[in-house]
Amino acid sequence: MTLNDIKIIIKDKIKQISELLGITDDEALIILNHFKWRKDLIESEWFGNETEISKKAGLEPVETVFLTKAPEITCSLCFDTKPQNEFDYLKCSHQLCKDCWKEYIYYNVKLPSKLLFHFLGN
């Protein structure tokens, strides 16, 4: 099996869960990771418990709050300086640029439990 084959399988599983649960592909990826990619567990536990499971998986709605009035800020992980609209914020006020979030999600799918960011509580 090639890397491309694996990518196709991952995208297909994400799309299946996204359509089944009526959520975005990004949310489906997080739910899949939370359930260790076990579709059977997602199907048996999701319906009727959507809010609770979303919170446990880290999908609790996050209100965007800009912590500074500066037009650009520095990412606390990669230290790149970028416009504020290129950042996402957690309720605990931690912020990461969207590129670092993508890296975090990618490596947690590819290498679950191998690469964890300390400040995210893992």
PDB file of N, CA and C in Angstrom:
ATOM      1  N   MET A   1       0.852  -1.168   0.000  1.00  0.00           N
ATOM      2  CA  MET A   1       0.000   0.000   0.000  1.00  0.00           C
ATOM      3  C   MET A   1       0.906   1.242   0.000  1.00  0.00           C
ATOM      4  N   THR A   2       0.621   2.154  -0.874  1.00  0.00           N
ATOM      5  CA  THR A   2       1.426   3.371  -0.985  1.00  0.00           C
ATOM      6  C   THR A   2       0.887   4.464  -0.069  1.00  0.00           C
ATOM      7  N   LEU A   3       1.700   5.500   0.109  1.00  0.00           N
ATOM      8  CA  LEU A   3       1.267   6.650   0.903  1.00  0.00           C
ATOM      9  C   LEU A   3       0.025   7.286   0.281  1.00  0.00           C
ATOM     10  N   ASN A   4      -0.018   7.341  -1.032  1.00  0.00           N
ATOM     11  CA  ASN A   4      -1.176   7.904  -1.723  1.00  0.00           C
ATOM     12  C   ASN A   4      -2.435   7.072  -1.456  1.00  0.00           C
ATOM     13  N   ASP A   5      -2.294   5.746  -1.428  1.00  0.00           N
ATOM     14  CA  ASP A   5      -3.427   4.867  -1.108  1.00  0.00           C
ATOM     15  C   ASP A   5      -3.958   5.163   0.300  1.00  0.00           C
ATOM     16  N   ILE A   6      -3.028   5.355   1.238  1.00  0.00           N
ATOM     17  CA  ILE A   6      -3.414   5.652   2.620  1.00  0.00           C
ATOM     18  C   ILE A   6      -4.138   6.989   2.702  1.00  0.00           C
ATOM     19  N   LYS A   7      -3.636   7.985   1.985  1.00  0.00           N
ATOM     20  CA  LYS A   7      -4.290   9.300   1.973  1.00  0.00           C
ATOM     21  C   LYS A   7      -5.707   9.198   1.434  1.00  0.00           C
ATOM     22  N   ILE A   8      -5.901   8.397   0.405  1.00  0.00           N
ATOM     23  CA  ILE A   8      -7.239   8.221  -0.183  1.00  0.00           C
ATOM     24  C   ILE A   8      -8.176   7.566   0.824  1.00  0.00           C
ATOM     25  N   ILE A   9      -7.689   6.560   1.537  1.00  0.00           N
ATOM     26  CA  ILE A   9      -8.498   5.870   2.550  1.00  0.00           C
ATOM     27  C   ILE A   9      -8.881   6.840   3.668  1.00  0.00           C
ATOM     28  N   ILE A  10      -7.916   7.632   4.132  1.00  0.00           N
ATOM     29  CA  ILE A  10      -8.185   8.601   5.196  1.00  0.00           C
ATOM     30  C   ILE A  10      -9.233   9.610   4.753  1.00  0.00           C
ATOM     31  N   LYS A  11      -9.074  10.166   3.552  1.00  0.00           N
ATOM     32  CA  LYS A  11     -10.050  11.139   3.045  1.00  0.00           C
ATOM     33  C   LYS A  11     -11.432  10.520   2.926  1.00  0.00           C
ATOM     34  N   ASP A  12     -11.489   9.265   2.496  1.00  0.00           N
ATOM     35  CA  ASP A  12     -12.769   8.574   2.351  1.00  0.00           C
ATOM     36  C   ASP A  12     -13.444   8.386   3.712  1.00  0.00           C
ATOM     37  N   LYS A  13     -12.671   7.970   4.714  1.00  0.00           N
ATOM     38  CA  LYS A  13     -13.238   7.786   6.060  1.00  0.00           C
ATOM     39  C   LYS A  13     -13.728   9.117   6.629  1.00  0.00           C
ATOM     40  N   ILE A  14     -12.960  10.169   6.417  1.00  0.00           N
ATOM     41  CA  ILE A  14     -13.371  11.490   6.886  1.00  0.00           C
ATOM     42  C   ILE A  14     -14.675  11.898   6.224  1.00  0.00           C
ATOM     43  N   LYS A  15     -14.779  11.718   4.922  1.00  0.00           N
ATOM     44  CA  LYS A  15     -15.985  12.089   4.183  1.00  0.00           C
ATOM     45  C   LYS A  15     -17.188  11.267   4.664  1.00  0.00           C
ATOM     46  N   GLN A  16     -16.996   9.973   4.903  1.00  0.00           N
ATOM     47  CA  GLN A  16     -18.086   9.119   5.400  1.00  0.00           C
ATOM     48  C   GLN A  16     -18.635   9.637   6.732  1.00  0.00           C
ATOM     49  N   ILE A  17     -17.743   9.923   7.658  1.00  0.00           N
ATOM     50  CA  ILE A  17     -18.175  10.394   8.978  1.00  0.00           C
ATOM     51  C   ILE A  17     -18.781  11.784   8.879  1.00  0.00           C
ATOM     52  N   SER A  18     -18.207  12.629   8.058  1.00  0.00           N
ATOM     53  CA  SER A  18     -18.735  13.980   7.858  1.00  0.00           C
ATOM     54  C   SER A  18     -20.179  13.920   7.369  1.00  0.00           C
ATOM     55  N   GLU A  19     -20.436  13.089   6.380  1.00  0.00           N
ATOM     56  CA  GLU A  19     -21.793  12.965   5.831  1.00  0.00           C
ATOM     57  C   GLU A  19     -22.735  12.273   6.806  1.00  0.00           C
ATOM     58  N   LEU A  20     -22.250  11.254   7.504  1.00  0.00           N
ATOM     59  CA  LEU A  20     -23.083  10.514   8.454  1.00  0.00           C
ATOM     60  C   LEU A  20     -23.542  11.405   9.604  1.00  0.00           C
ATOM     61  N   LEU A  21     -22.621  12.213  10.133  1.00  0.00           N
ATOM     62  CA  LEU A  21     -22.926  13.017  11.308  1.00  0.00           C
ATOM     63  C   LEU A  21     -23.390  14.430  10.976  1.00  0.00           C
ATOM     64  N   GLY A  22     -23.261  14.837   9.723  1.00  0.00           N
ATOM     65  CA  GLY A  22     -23.661  16.191   9.334  1.00  0.00           C
ATOM     66  C   GLY A  22     -22.726  17.248   9.890  1.00  0.00           C
ATOM     67  N   ILE A  23     -21.434  16.951   9.877  1.00  0.00           N
ATOM     68  CA  ILE A  23     -20.434  17.884  10.390  1.00  0.00           C
ATOM     69  C   ILE A  23     -19.399  18.159   9.302  1.00  0.00           C
ATOM     70  N   THR A  24     -18.526  19.111   9.540  1.00  0.00           N
ATOM     71  CA  THR A  24     -17.504  19.434   8.548  1.00  0.00           C
ATOM     72  C   THR A  24     -16.445  18.332   8.504  1.00  0.00           C
ATOM     73  N   ASP A  25     -15.649  18.328   7.445  1.00  0.00           N
ATOM     74  CA  ASP A  25     -14.561  17.360   7.339  1.00  0.00           C
ATOM     75  C   ASP A  25     -13.556  17.533   8.476  1.00  0.00           C
ATOM     76  N   ASP A  26     -13.261  18.773   8.849  1.00  0.00           N
ATOM     77  CA  ASP A  26     -12.330  19.021   9.954  1.00  0.00           C
ATOM     78  C   ASP A  26     -12.870  18.448  11.267  1.00  0.00           C
ATOM     79  N   GLU A  27     -14.154  18.653  11.509  1.00  0.00           N
ATOM     80  CA  GLU A  27     -14.769  18.110  12.722  1.00  0.00           C
ATOM     81  C   GLU A  27     -14.776  16.583  12.681  1.00  0.00           C
ATOM     82  N   ALA A  28     -15.039  16.027  11.508  1.00  0.00           N
ATOM     83  CA  ALA A  28     -15.038  14.568  11.364  1.00  0.00           C
ATOM     84  C   ALA A  28     -13.660  13.991  11.661  1.00  0.00           C
ATOM     85  N   LEU A  29     -12.627  14.669  11.224  1.00  0.00           N
ATOM     86  CA  LEU A  29     -11.263  14.232  11.499  1.00  0.00           C
ATOM     87  C   LEU A  29     -10.994  14.197  13.008  1.00  0.00           C
ATOM     88  N   ILE A  30     -11.443  15.206  13.704  1.00  0.00           N
ATOM     89  CA  ILE A  30     -11.256  15.266  15.157  1.00  0.00           C
ATOM     90  C   ILE A  30     -12.051  14.164  15.854  1.00  0.00           C
ATOM     91  N   ILE A  31     -13.277  13.933  15.412  1.00  0.00           N
ATOM     92  CA  ILE A  31     -14.102  12.866  15.988  1.00  0.00           C
ATOM     93  C   ILE A  31     -13.472  11.501  15.720  1.00  0.00           C
ATOM     94  N   LEU A  32     -13.008  11.283  14.497  1.00  0.00           N
ATOM     95  CA  LEU A  32     -12.342  10.019  14.181  1.00  0.00           C
ATOM     96  C   LEU A  32     -11.128   9.802  15.076  1.00  0.00           C
ATOM     97  N   ASN A  33     -10.337  10.832  15.258  1.00  0.00           N
ATOM     98  CA  ASN A  33      -9.158  10.720  16.110  1.00  0.00           C
ATOM     99  C   ASN A  33      -9.570  10.425  17.560  1.00  0.00           C
ATOM    100  N   HIS A  34     -10.619  11.089  18.026  1.00  0.00           N
ATOM    101  CA  HIS A  34     -11.108  10.871  19.399  1.00  0.00           C
ATOM    102  C   HIS A  34     -11.528   9.416  19.617  1.00  0.00           C
ATOM    103  N   PHE A  35     -12.150   8.827  18.606  1.00  0.00           N
ATOM    104  CA  PHE A  35     -12.616   7.442  18.705  1.00  0.00           C
ATOM    105  C   PHE A  35     -11.608   6.442  18.139  1.00  0.00           C
ATOM    106  N   LYS A  36     -10.365   6.912  17.946  1.00  0.00           N
ATOM    107  CA  LYS A  36      -9.287   6.057  17.441  1.00  0.00           C
ATOM    108  C   LYS A  36      -9.658   5.377  16.125  1.00  0.00           C
ATOM    109  N   TRP A  37     -10.361   6.149  15.271  1.00  0.00           N
ATOM    110  CA  TRP A  37     -10.744   5.742  13.914  1.00  0.00           C
ATOM    111  C   TRP A  37     -11.704   4.552  13.894  1.00  0.00           C
ATOM    112  N   ARG A  38     -12.453   4.335  14.981  1.00  0.00           N
ATOM    113  CA  ARG A  38     -13.411   3.233  15.038  1.00  0.00           C
ATOM    114  C   ARG A  38     -14.798   3.741  14.678  1.00  0.00           C
ATOM    115  N   LYS A  39     -15.171   3.532  13.425  1.00  0.00           N
ATOM    116  CA  LYS A  39     -16.469   3.991  12.923  1.00  0.00           C
ATOM    117  C   LYS A  39     -17.614   3.353  13.699  1.00  0.00           C
ATOM    118  N   ASP A  40     -17.461   2.097  14.089  1.00  0.00           N
ATOM    119  CA  ASP A  40     -18.521   1.414  14.826  1.00  0.00           C
ATOM    120  C   ASP A  40     -18.812   2.102  16.157  1.00  0.00           C
ATOM    121  N   LEU A  41     -17.771   2.568  16.846  1.00  0.00           N
ATOM    122  CA  LEU A  41     -17.981   3.286  18.111  1.00  0.00           C
ATOM    123  C   LEU A  41     -18.647   4.641  17.876  1.00  0.00           C
ATOM    124  N   ILE A  42     -18.227   5.310  16.821  1.00  0.00           N
ATOM    125  CA  ILE A  42     -18.837   6.609  16.497  1.00  0.00           C
ATOM    126  C   ILE A  42     -20.324   6.430  16.249  1.00  0.00           C
ATOM    127  N   GLU A  43     -20.668   5.446  15.430  1.00  0.00           N
ATOM    128  CA  GLU A  43     -22.071   5.202  15.105  1.00  0.00           C
ATOM    129  C   GLU A  43     -22.893   4.836  16.329  1.00  0.00           C
ATOM    130  N   SER A  44     -22.325   4.073  17.250  1.00  0.00           N
ATOM    131  CA  SER A  44     -23.098   3.631  18.408  1.00  0.00           C
ATOM    132  C   SER A  44     -23.183   4.685  19.514  1.00  0.00           C
ATOM    133  N   GLU A  45     -22.218   5.591  19.583  1.00  0.00           N
ATOM    134  CA  GLU A  45     -22.197   6.544  20.691  1.00  0.00           C
ATOM    135  C   GLU A  45     -22.592   7.973  20.324  1.00  0.00           C
ATOM    136  N   TRP A  46     -22.511   8.358  19.071  1.00  0.00           N
ATOM    137  CA  TRP A  46     -22.714   9.756  18.664  1.00  0.00           C
ATOM    138  C   TRP A  46     -24.153  10.227  18.840  1.00  0.00           C
ATOM    139  N   PHE A  47     -25.088   9.528  18.232  1.00  0.00           N
ATOM    140  CA  PHE A  47     -26.461   9.995  18.160  1.00  0.00           C
ATOM    141  C   PHE A  47     -27.113  10.013  19.535  1.00  0.00           C
ATOM    142  N   GLY A  48     -27.615  11.191  19.894  1.00  0.00           N
ATOM    143  CA  GLY A  48     -28.201  11.402  21.204  1.00  0.00           C
ATOM    144  C   GLY A  48     -27.207  11.966  22.210  1.00  0.00           C
ATOM    145  N   ASN A  49     -25.932  11.900  21.883  1.00  0.00           N
ATOM    146  CA  ASN A  49     -24.878  12.400  22.774  1.00  0.00           C
ATOM    147  C   ASN A  49     -23.949  13.364  22.047  1.00  0.00           C
ATOM    148  N   GLU A  50     -24.420  13.975  20.977  1.00  0.00           N
ATOM    149  CA  GLU A  50     -23.564  14.801  20.129  1.00  0.00           C
ATOM    150  C   GLU A  50     -22.831  15.897  20.896  1.00  0.00           C
ATOM    151  N   THR A  51     -23.546  16.618  21.749  1.00  0.00           N
ATOM    152  CA  THR A  51     -22.949  17.737  22.467  1.00  0.00           C
ATOM    153  C   THR A  51     -21.878  17.263  23.429  1.00  0.00           C
ATOM    154  N   GLU A  52     -22.182  16.251  24.202  1.00  0.00           N
ATOM    155  CA  GLU A  52     -21.220  15.724  25.179  1.00  0.00           C
ATOM    156  C   GLU A  52     -19.969  15.171  24.488  1.00  0.00           C
ATOM    157  N   ILE A  53     -20.168  14.413  23.426  1.00  0.00           N
ATOM    158  CA  ILE A  53     -19.028  13.834  22.711  1.00  0.00           C
ATOM    159  C   ILE A  53     -18.208  14.922  22.035  1.00  0.00           C
ATOM    160  N   SER A  54     -18.880  15.914  21.481  1.00  0.00           N
ATOM    161  CA  SER A  54     -18.155  17.026  20.854  1.00  0.00           C
ATOM    162  C   SER A  54     -17.246  17.714  21.863  1.00  0.00           C
ATOM    163  N   LYS A  55     -17.760  17.956  23.056  1.00  0.00           N
ATOM    164  CA  LYS A  55     -16.945  18.594  24.099  1.00  0.00           C
ATOM    165  C   LYS A  55     -15.759  17.721  24.487  1.00  0.00           C
ATOM    166  N   LYS A  56     -16.006  16.431  24.677  1.00  0.00           N
ATOM    167  CA  LYS A  56     -14.926  15.513  25.051  1.00  0.00           C
ATOM    168  C   LYS A  56     -13.840  15.448  23.976  1.00  0.00           C
ATOM    169  N   ALA A  57     -14.246  15.560  22.723  1.00  0.00           N
ATOM    170  CA  ALA A  57     -13.289  15.494  21.614  1.00  0.00           C
ATOM    171  C   ALA A  57     -12.584  16.823  21.385  1.00  0.00           C
ATOM    172  N   GLY A  58     -13.076  17.879  22.049  1.00  0.00           N
ATOM    173  CA  GLY A  58     -12.452  19.190  21.882  1.00  0.00           C
ATOM    174  C   GLY A  58     -13.137  20.072  20.864  1.00  0.00           C
ATOM    175  N   LEU A  59     -14.366  19.754  20.508  1.00  0.00           N
ATOM    176  CA  LEU A  59     -15.100  20.530  19.514  1.00  0.00           C
ATOM    177  C   LEU A  59     -16.058  21.529  20.114  1.00  0.00           C
ATOM    178  N   GLU A  60     -15.926  21.788  21.390  1.00  0.00           N
ATOM    179  CA  GLU A  60     -16.780  22.783  22.027  1.00  0.00           C
ATOM    180  C   GLU A  60     -16.607  24.107  21.296  1.00  0.00           C
ATOM    181  N   PRO A  61     -17.681  24.796  20.984  1.00  0.00           N
ATOM    182  CA  PRO A  61     -17.548  26.061  20.250  1.00  0.00           C
ATOM    183  C   PRO A  61     -16.598  27.017  20.967  1.00  0.00           C
ATOM    184  N   VAL A  62     -15.729  27.599  20.196  1.00  0.00           N
ATOM    185  CA  VAL A  62     -14.756  28.533  20.735  1.00  0.00           C
ATOM    186  C   VAL A  62     -15.054  29.911  20.182  1.00  0.00           C
ATOM    187  N   GLU A  63     -15.263  30.848  21.066  1.00  0.00           N
ATOM    188  CA  GLU A  63     -15.526  32.223  20.658  1.00  0.00           C
ATOM    189  C   GLU A  63     -14.193  32.873  20.288  1.00  0.00           C
ATOM    190  N   THR A  64     -14.139  33.480  19.118  1.00  0.00           N
ATOM    191  CA  THR A  64     -12.911  34.142  18.692  1.00  0.00           C
ATOM    192  C   THR A  64     -12.757  35.436  19.456  1.00  0.00           C
ATOM    193  N   VAL A  65     -11.656  35.533  20.147  1.00  0.00           N
ATOM    194  CA  VAL A  65     -11.355  36.725  20.925  1.00  0.00           C
ATOM    195  C   VAL A  65      -9.946  37.155  20.567  1.00  0.00           C
ATOM    196  N   PHE A  66      -9.809  38.355  20.077  1.00  0.00           N
ATOM    197  CA  PHE A  66      -8.485  38.862  19.779  1.00  0.00           C
ATOM    198  C   PHE A  66      -7.898  39.418  21.065  1.00  0.00           C
ATOM    199  N   LEU A  67      -6.716  38.928  21.421  1.00  0.00           N
ATOM    200  CA  LEU A  67      -6.103  39.287  22.685  1.00  0.00           C
ATOM    201  C   LEU A  67      -5.298  40.570  22.614  1.00  0.00           C
ATOM    202  N   THR A  68      -5.067  41.057  21.434  1.00  0.00           N
ATOM    203  CA  THR A  68      -4.277  42.262  21.262  1.00  0.00           C
ATOM    204  C   THR A  68      -4.856  43.069  20.113  1.00  0.00           C
ATOM    205  N   LYS A  69      -4.584  44.350  20.099  1.00  0.00           N
ATOM    206  CA  LYS A  69      -5.068  45.195  19.002  1.00  0.00           C
ATOM    207  C   LYS A  69      -4.032  45.315  17.890  1.00  0.00           C
ATOM    208  N   ALA A  70      -2.885  44.677  18.074  1.00  0.00           N
ATOM    209  CA  ALA A  70      -1.832  44.736  17.056  1.00  0.00           C
ATOM    210  C   ALA A  70      -2.316  44.042  15.780  1.00  0.00           C
ATOM    211  N   PRO A  71      -1.986  44.589  14.615  1.00  0.00           N
ATOM    212  CA  PRO A  71      -2.437  43.973  13.367  1.00  0.00           C
ATOM    213  C   PRO A  71      -1.789  42.613  13.119  1.00  0.00           C
ATOM    214  N   GLU A  72      -0.596  42.396  13.674  1.00  0.00           N
ATOM    215  CA  GLU A  72       0.085  41.118  13.513  1.00  0.00           C
ATOM    216  C   GLU A  72       0.550  40.626  14.873  1.00  0.00           C
ATOM    217  N   ILE A  73       0.557  39.299  15.025  1.00  0.00           N
ATOM    218  CA  ILE A  73       1.044  38.708  16.267  1.00  0.00           C
ATOM    219  C   ILE A  73       1.962  37.536  15.934  1.00  0.00           C
ATOM    220  N   THR A  74       2.662  37.046  16.936  1.00  0.00           N
ATOM    221  CA  THR A  74       3.620  35.962  16.739  1.00  0.00           C
ATOM    222  C   THR A  74       3.033  34.658  17.261  1.00  0.00           C
ATOM    223  N   CYS A  75       3.102  33.614  16.452  1.00  0.00           N
ATOM    224  CA  CYS A  75       2.631  32.290  16.851  1.00  0.00           C
ATOM    225  C   CYS A  75       3.520  31.768  17.979  1.00  0.00           C
ATOM    226  N   SER A  76       2.896  31.212  19.009  1.00  0.00           N
ATOM    227  CA  SER A  76       3.646  30.721  20.163  1.00  0.00           C
ATOM    228  C   SER A  76       4.336  29.378  19.898  1.00  0.00           C
ATOM    229  N   LEU A  77       4.101  28.798  18.719  1.00  0.00           N
ATOM    230  CA  LEU A  77       4.741  27.529  18.406  1.00  0.00           C
ATOM    231  C   LEU A  77       5.841  27.691  17.361  1.00  0.00           C
ATOM    232  N   CYS A  78       5.510  28.303  16.224  1.00  0.00           N
ATOM    233  CA  CYS A  78       6.499  28.437  15.147  1.00  0.00           C
ATOM    234  C   CYS A  78       7.225  29.783  15.171  1.00  0.00           C
ATOM    235  N   PHE A  79       6.703  30.721  15.954  1.00  0.00           N
ATOM    236  CA  PHE A  79       7.270  32.064  16.118  1.00  0.00           C
ATOM    237  C   PHE A  79       7.226  32.909  14.843  1.00  0.00           C
ATOM    238  N   ASP A  80       6.383  32.527  13.884  1.00  0.00           N
ATOM    239  CA  ASP A  80       6.162  33.370  12.715  1.00  0.00           C
ATOM    240  C   ASP A  80       5.225  34.506  13.094  1.00  0.00           C
ATOM    241  N   THR A  81       5.438  35.668  12.508  1.00  0.00           N
ATOM    242  CA  THR A  81       4.554  36.806  12.735  1.00  0.00           C
ATOM    243  C   THR A  81       3.578  36.864  11.571  1.00  0.00           C
ATOM    244  N   LYS A  82       2.281  36.882  11.915  1.00  0.00           N
ATOM    245  CA  LYS A  82       1.221  36.827  10.900  1.00  0.00           C
ATOM    246  C   LYS A  82       0.064  37.718  11.314  1.00  0.00           C
ATOM    247  N   PRO A  83      -0.834  38.051  10.354  1.00  0.00           N
ATOM    248  CA  PRO A  83      -2.043  38.817  10.705  1.00  0.00           C
ATOM    249  C   PRO A  83      -2.930  38.018  11.668  1.00  0.00           C
ATOM    250  N   GLN A  84      -3.671  38.731  12.503  1.00  0.00           N
ATOM    251  CA  GLN A  84      -4.522  38.078  13.509  1.00  0.00           C
ATOM    252  C   GLN A  84      -5.518  37.094  12.904  1.00  0.00           C
ATOM    253  N   ASN A  85      -6.026  37.389  11.706  1.00  0.00           N
ATOM    254  CA  ASN A  85      -7.038  36.503  11.126  1.00  0.00           C
ATOM    255  C   ASN A  85      -6.462  35.157  10.685  1.00  0.00           C
ATOM    256  N   GLU A  86      -5.145  34.968  10.802  1.00  0.00           N
ATOM    257  CA  GLU A  86      -4.521  33.690  10.481  1.00  0.00           C
ATOM    258  C   GLU A  86      -4.272  32.854  11.741  1.00  0.00           C
ATOM    259  N   PHE A  87      -4.961  33.200  12.841  1.00  0.00           N
ATOM    260  CA  PHE A  87      -4.806  32.497  14.108  1.00  0.00           C
ATOM    261  C   PHE A  87      -6.137  31.939  14.581  1.00  0.00           C
ATOM    262  N   ASP A  88      -6.051  30.850  15.336  1.00  0.00           N
ATOM    263  CA  ASP A  88      -7.202  30.290  16.030  1.00  0.00           C
ATOM    264  C   ASP A  88      -6.884  30.318  17.518  1.00  0.00           C
ATOM    265  N   TYR A  89      -7.917  30.488  18.336  1.00  0.00           N
ATOM    266  CA  TYR A  89      -7.745  30.653  19.763  1.00  0.00           C
ATOM    267  C   TYR A  89      -8.523  29.592  20.527  1.00  0.00           C
ATOM    268  N   LEU A  90      -7.958  29.117  21.610  1.00  0.00           N
ATOM    269  CA  LEU A  90      -8.647  28.205  22.517  1.00  0.00           C
ATOM    270  C   LEU A  90      -9.273  29.011  23.645  1.00  0.00           C
ATOM    271  N   LYS A  91     -10.212  28.403  24.367  1.00  0.00           N
ATOM    272  CA  LYS A  91     -10.833  29.109  25.491  1.00  0.00           C
ATOM    273  C   LYS A  91      -9.820  29.493  26.558  1.00  0.00           C
ATOM    274  N   CYS A  92      -8.742  28.730  26.641  1.00  0.00           N
ATOM    275  CA  CYS A  92      -7.714  29.019  27.643  1.00  0.00           C
ATOM    276  C   CYS A  92      -6.802  30.157  27.194  1.00  0.00           C
ATOM    277  N   SER A  93      -7.092  30.768  26.067  1.00  0.00           N
ATOM    278  CA  SER A  93      -6.362  31.898  25.487  1.00  0.00           C
ATOM    279  C   SER A  93      -5.091  31.509  24.741  1.00  0.00           C
ATOM    280  N   HIS A  94      -4.777  30.232  24.630  1.00  0.00           N
ATOM    281  CA  HIS A  94      -3.652  29.840  23.797  1.00  0.00           C
ATOM    282  C   HIS A  94      -4.024  30.114  22.338  1.00  0.00           C
ATOM    283  N   GLN A  95      -3.029  30.464  21.576  1.00  0.00           N
ATOM    284  CA  GLN A  95      -3.279  30.752  20.166  1.00  0.00           C
ATOM    285  C   GLN A  95      -2.210  30.090  19.322  1.00  0.00           C
ATOM    286  N   LEU A  96      -2.624  29.613  18.175  1.00  0.00           N
ATOM    287  CA  LEU A  96      -1.711  29.032  17.196  1.00  0.00           C
ATOM    288  C   LEU A  96      -2.118  29.537  15.823  1.00  0.00           C
ATOM    289  N   CYS A  97      -1.122  29.707  14.970  1.00  0.00           N
ATOM    290  CA  CYS A  97      -1.471  30.071  13.599  1.00  0.00           C
ATOM    291  C   CYS A  97      -2.130  28.854  12.948  1.00  0.00           C
ATOM    292  N   LYS A  98      -2.907  29.102  11.920  1.00  0.00           N
ATOM    293  CA  LYS A  98      -3.652  28.023  11.276  1.00  0.00           C
ATOM    294  C   LYS A  98      -2.725  26.975  10.663  1.00  0.00           C
ATOM    295  N   ASP A  99      -1.529  27.381  10.223  1.00  0.00           N
ATOM    296  CA  ASP A  99      -0.564  26.418   9.693  1.00  0.00           C
ATOM    297  C   ASP A  99      -0.119  25.437  10.775  1.00  0.00           C
ATOM    298  N   CYS A 100       0.109  25.929  11.989  1.00  0.00           N
ATOM    299  CA  CYS A 100       0.499  25.041  13.096  1.00  0.00           C
ATOM    300  C   CYS A 100      -0.647  24.115  13.486  1.00  0.00           C
ATOM    301  N   TRP A 101      -1.892  24.617  13.447  1.00  0.00           N
ATOM    302  CA  TRP A 101      -3.040  23.751  13.734  1.00  0.00           C
ATOM    303  C   TRP A 101      -3.109  22.618  12.723  1.00  0.00           C
ATOM    304  N   LYS A 102      -2.889  22.943  11.441  1.00  0.00           N
ATOM    305  CA  LYS A 102      -2.917  21.905  10.396  1.00  0.00           C
ATOM    306  C   LYS A 102      -1.839  20.865  10.661  1.00  0.00           C
ATOM    307  N   GLU A 103      -0.645  21.302  11.032  1.00  0.00           N
ATOM    308  CA  GLU A 103       0.450  20.386  11.361  1.00  0.00           C
ATOM    309  C   GLU A 103       0.066  19.505  12.551  1.00  0.00           C
ATOM    310  N   TYR A 104      -0.508  20.119  13.573  1.00  0.00           N
ATOM    311  CA  TYR A 104      -0.914  19.378  14.767  1.00  0.00           C
ATOM    312  C   TYR A 104      -1.900  18.263  14.398  1.00  0.00           C
ATOM    313  N   ILE A 105      -2.904  18.612  13.620  1.00  0.00           N
ATOM    314  CA  ILE A 105      -3.910  17.618  13.229  1.00  0.00           C
ATOM    315  C   ILE A 105      -3.279  16.533  12.357  1.00  0.00           C
ATOM    316  N   TYR A 106      -2.450  16.925  11.406  1.00  0.00           N
ATOM    317  CA  TYR A 106      -1.801  15.961  10.510  1.00  0.00           C
ATOM    318  C   TYR A 106      -0.980  14.950  11.313  1.00  0.00           C
ATOM    319  N   TYR A 107      -0.132  15.438  12.211  1.00  0.00           N
ATOM    320  CA  TYR A 107       0.736  14.539  12.956  1.00  0.00           C
ATOM    321  C   TYR A 107      -0.014  13.714  13.990  1.00  0.00           C
ATOM    322  N   ASN A 108      -1.148  14.196  14.455  1.00  0.00           N
ATOM    323  CA  ASN A 108      -1.920  13.401  15.393  1.00  0.00           C
ATOM    324  C   ASN A 108      -2.742  12.340  14.694  1.00  0.00           C
ATOM    325  N   VAL A 109      -2.959  12.491  13.396  1.00  0.00           N
ATOM    326  CA  VAL A 109      -3.609  11.435  12.618  1.00  0.00           C
ATOM    327  C   VAL A 109      -2.551  10.425  12.181  1.00  0.00           C
ATOM    328  N   LYS A 110      -1.429  10.930  11.707  1.00  0.00           N
ATOM    329  CA  LYS A 110      -0.363  10.065  11.223  1.00  0.00           C
ATOM    330  C   LYS A 110       0.352   9.349  12.364  1.00  0.00           C
ATOM    331  N   LEU A 111       0.590  10.063  13.452  1.00  0.00           N
ATOM    332  CA  LEU A 111       1.340   9.519  14.582  1.00  0.00           C
ATOM    333  C   LEU A 111       0.584   9.717  15.894  1.00  0.00           C
ATOM    334  N   PRO A 112      -0.636   9.186  16.025  1.00  0.00           N
ATOM    335  CA  PRO A 112      -1.384   9.438  17.251  1.00  0.00           C
ATOM    336  C   PRO A 112      -0.596   8.982  18.479  1.00  0.00           C
ATOM    337  N   SER A 113      -0.655   9.787  19.502  1.00  0.00           N
ATOM    338  CA  SER A 113       0.006   9.590  20.790  1.00  0.00           C
ATOM    339  C   SER A 113       1.528   9.672  20.722  1.00  0.00           C
ATOM    340  N   LYS A 114       2.102   9.942  19.570  1.00  0.00           N
ATOM    341  CA  LYS A 114       3.550  10.106  19.460  1.00  0.00           C
ATOM    342  C   LYS A 114       3.944  11.575  19.561  1.00  0.00           C
ATOM    343  N   LEU A 115       3.141  12.453  18.975  1.00  0.00           N
ATOM    344  CA  LEU A 115       3.457  13.871  18.978  1.00  0.00           C
ATOM    345  C   LEU A 115       2.303  14.610  19.624  1.00  0.00           C
ATOM    346  N   LEU A 116       2.525  15.098  20.808  1.00  0.00           N
ATOM    347  CA  LEU A 116       1.480  15.802  21.536  1.00  0.00           C
ATOM    348  C   LEU A 116       2.033  17.117  22.036  1.00  0.00           C
ATOM    349  N   PHE A 117       1.252  18.149  21.921  1.00  0.00           N
ATOM    350  CA  PHE A 117       1.692  19.451  22.393  1.00  0.00           C
ATOM    351  C   PHE A 117       1.331  19.592  23.863  1.00  0.00           C
ATOM    352  N   HIS A 118       2.295  19.911  24.663  1.00  0.00           N
ATOM    353  CA  HIS A 118       2.116  20.013  26.110  1.00  0.00           C
ATOM    354  C   HIS A 118       1.012  21.001  26.494  1.00  0.00           C
ATOM    355  N   PHE A 119       0.994  22.172  25.858  1.00  0.00           N
ATOM    356  CA  PHE A 119       0.024  23.175  26.277  1.00  0.00           C
ATOM    357  C   PHE A 119      -1.398  22.844  25.875  1.00  0.00           C
ATOM    358  N   LEU A 120      -1.593  21.815  25.045  1.00  0.00           N
ATOM    359  CA  LEU A 120      -2.952  21.417  24.681  1.00  0.00           C
ATOM    360  C   LEU A 120      -3.503  20.395  25.676  1.00  0.00           C
ATOM    361  N   GLY A 121      -2.723  20.080  26.693  1.00  0.00           N
ATOM    362  CA  GLY A 121      -3.210  19.215  27.759  1.00  0.00           C
ATOM    363  C   GLY A 121      -3.040  17.741  27.498  1.00  0.00           C
ATOM    364  N   ASN A 122      -2.297  17.373  26.484  1.00  0.00           N
ATOM    365  CA  ASN A 122      -2.077  15.944  26.195  1.00  0.00           C
ATOM    366  C   ASN A 122      -0.797  15.469  26.812  1.00  0.00           C
TER     367      ASN A 122
END
